[in-house]
Structure formats: C-alpha cells, structure tokens
Amino acid sequence: MEYAGPSTSGTATATERSRGDRAERAETGNNVGPSCMVTRWDVERGRALATPGTARAHSAFEAEVYVLPENDGDRDVTFALRQTQFCFGLLPSVQFGHTPRSPA
C-alpha cells in the first residue's frame, strides 16, 4: 500500500471492518481500518491509501464549473473577479480563483 502525496509506503498486515470483522480485501466505498506497519509520524490525518503507483497528489487542477442561476436555487450574489471560492465534498476542501473565460 502507498499513501497519496509525498512518497510513503508500507505494508498492511490486516484489514478490519467495523466491529472487528476481518476483511480479506477492501474496495472503493468500504469503511475499513488497515493495520499498517508505519510509525504514526509517517502519516497525517486525511491521507489516502492506494495500491503503489496508482494515486498521485496534485496541488493544482483546472475545472469547468457550471453555476446554477439564482432562480434554480443558487447564490443571489455574483462572483467578484479573483474572489477566492471554496468547494466542499467528500474530499478535503478545495480553494479556487474565478477566472472569467473570454468569448470565443
């Protein structure tokens, strides 16, 4: 197993589900607790486990975002140029800046 982010790898000796049930394998969406052979200083809260070589951490990305109009339930205040926005979801919060697209 490997932690996404700065290179840290280790070995999981066991995987347990809730209530101490042993699991032979874990898949996406499973809530498990691996017993890892690393020190507690080698990892940080929120790091993702993955098969070695399959996950990479990114510090920047580009995305196209569709914002609903106010009458469809979205915000009633417009975005200011260069106003910092935050996205929240299942992953850690993401901060992005608004850059208007020039008409093609």
Protein backbone atom coordinates (compact mmCIF):
# COMPACT_ATOMS: atom_id res chain seq x y z
CA MET A 1 0.00 0.00 0.00
CA GLU A 2 1.06 3.59 -0.53
CA TYR A 3 -0.17 6.94 0.77
CA ALA A 4 -1.12 9.51 -1.88
CA GLY A 5 1.14 12.52 -1.53
CA PRO A 6 4.77 12.64 -0.50
CA SER A 7 6.23 9.18 -1.03
CA THR A 8 5.40 7.00 1.96
CA SER A 9 4.78 3.30 1.56
CA GLY A 10 4.27 0.45 3.96
CA THR A 11 2.64 -2.92 4.46
CA ALA A 12 -0.86 -3.58 5.74
CA THR A 13 -0.83 -6.71 7.90
CA ALA A 14 -4.60 -6.87 8.40
CA THR A 15 -7.75 -5.06 7.36
CA GLU A 16 -10.75 -4.78 9.66
CA ARG A 17 -14.28 -3.57 9.09
CA SER A 18 -16.44 -2.15 11.86
CA ARG A 19 -16.85 -4.30 15.00
CA GLY A 20 -13.54 -6.09 14.43
CA ASP A 21 -14.61 -8.20 11.41
CA ARG A 22 -11.56 -9.19 9.37
CA ALA A 23 -11.66 -8.41 5.66
CA GLU A 24 -9.52 -10.16 3.06
CA ARG A 25 -9.70 -7.13 0.79
CA ALA A 26 -11.12 -3.61 0.70
CA GLU A 27 -12.74 -1.90 -2.26
CA THR A 28 -13.79 1.63 -3.07
CA GLY A 29 -16.52 2.77 -0.69
CA ASN A 30 -15.69 0.28 2.09
CA ASN A 31 -15.11 1.72 5.55
CA VAL A 32 -12.10 -0.21 6.84
CA GLY A 33 -9.20 0.19 9.21
CA PRO A 34 -5.89 -1.23 7.98
CA SER A 35 -3.19 -2.26 10.46
CA CYS A 36 -0.17 -0.58 8.93
CA MET A 37 3.49 -1.19 9.63
CA VAL A 38 4.48 2.50 9.76
CA THR A 39 5.04 4.90 12.63
CA ARG A 40 2.35 7.43 13.47
CA TRP A 41 4.71 10.23 12.42
CA ASP A 42 4.89 8.84 8.85
CA VAL A 43 1.28 9.69 8.05
CA GLU A 44 -1.14 12.59 8.50
CA ARG A 45 -4.89 12.63 9.01
CA GLY A 46 -6.81 12.58 5.73
CA ARG A 47 -4.17 10.86 3.60
CA ALA A 48 -5.50 8.36 1.07
CA LEU A 49 -4.34 4.74 0.83
CA ALA A 50 -3.81 3.22 -2.60
CA THR A 51 -2.09 0.40 -4.43
CA PRO A 52 1.52 1.51 -5.09
CA GLY A 53 1.83 3.64 -8.23
CA THR A 54 -1.92 4.20 -8.74
CA ALA A 55 -2.56 7.53 -6.96
CA ARG A 56 -0.85 10.92 -7.12
CA ALA A 57 -1.39 14.09 -5.12
CA HIS A 58 -1.96 17.34 -7.01
CA SER A 59 -1.52 20.90 -5.83
CA ALA A 60 -3.39 22.47 -8.76
CA PHE A 61 -6.00 21.48 -11.33
CA GLU A 62 -8.26 23.05 -13.95
CA ALA A 63 -12.00 22.55 -13.97
CA GLU A 64 -15.06 23.88 -15.73
CA VAL A 65 -17.82 24.74 -13.26
CA TYR A 66 -21.47 25.30 -14.12
CA VAL A 67 -23.11 27.62 -11.61
CA LEU A 68 -26.90 27.48 -11.34
CA PRO A 69 -28.85 30.69 -11.83
CA GLU A 70 -30.47 32.27 -8.77
CA ASN A 71 -33.97 31.09 -9.71
CA ASP A 72 -32.69 27.47 -9.71
CA GLY A 73 -31.54 27.71 -6.12
CA ASP A 74 -28.05 29.09 -6.39
CA ARG A 75 -26.49 32.11 -4.72
CA ASP A 76 -28.01 35.55 -5.21
CA VAL A 77 -24.66 37.39 -5.24
CA THR A 78 -22.40 37.40 -8.28
CA PHE A 79 -18.82 36.21 -8.17
CA ALA A 80 -16.29 39.01 -7.87
CA LEU A 81 -13.21 38.77 -10.05
CA ARG A 82 -10.40 36.97 -8.27
CA GLN A 83 -12.67 36.20 -5.31
CA THR A 84 -11.50 33.01 -3.65
CA GLN A 85 -14.11 30.25 -3.68
CA PHE A 86 -14.20 27.01 -1.73
CA CYS A 87 -15.61 23.64 -2.80
CA PHE A 88 -16.59 21.12 -0.16
CA GLY A 89 -17.33 17.48 -0.80
CA LEU A 90 -16.15 14.04 0.16
CA LEU A 91 -12.56 15.13 -0.39
CA PRO A 92 -10.74 17.88 1.51
CA SER A 93 -11.91 21.40 0.74
CA VAL A 94 -10.56 22.89 -2.48
CA GLN A 95 -9.82 26.57 -2.95
CA PHE A 96 -10.01 28.12 -6.40
CA GLY A 97 -9.94 31.53 -8.00
CA HIS A 98 -12.50 32.73 -10.53
CA THR A 99 -11.01 33.50 -13.93
CA PRO A 100 -13.59 34.60 -16.49
CA ARG A 101 -13.41 32.88 -19.87
CA SER A 102 -13.05 35.16 -22.86
CA PRO A 103 -15.75 34.74 -25.53
CA ALA A 104 -14.57 32.61 -28.44
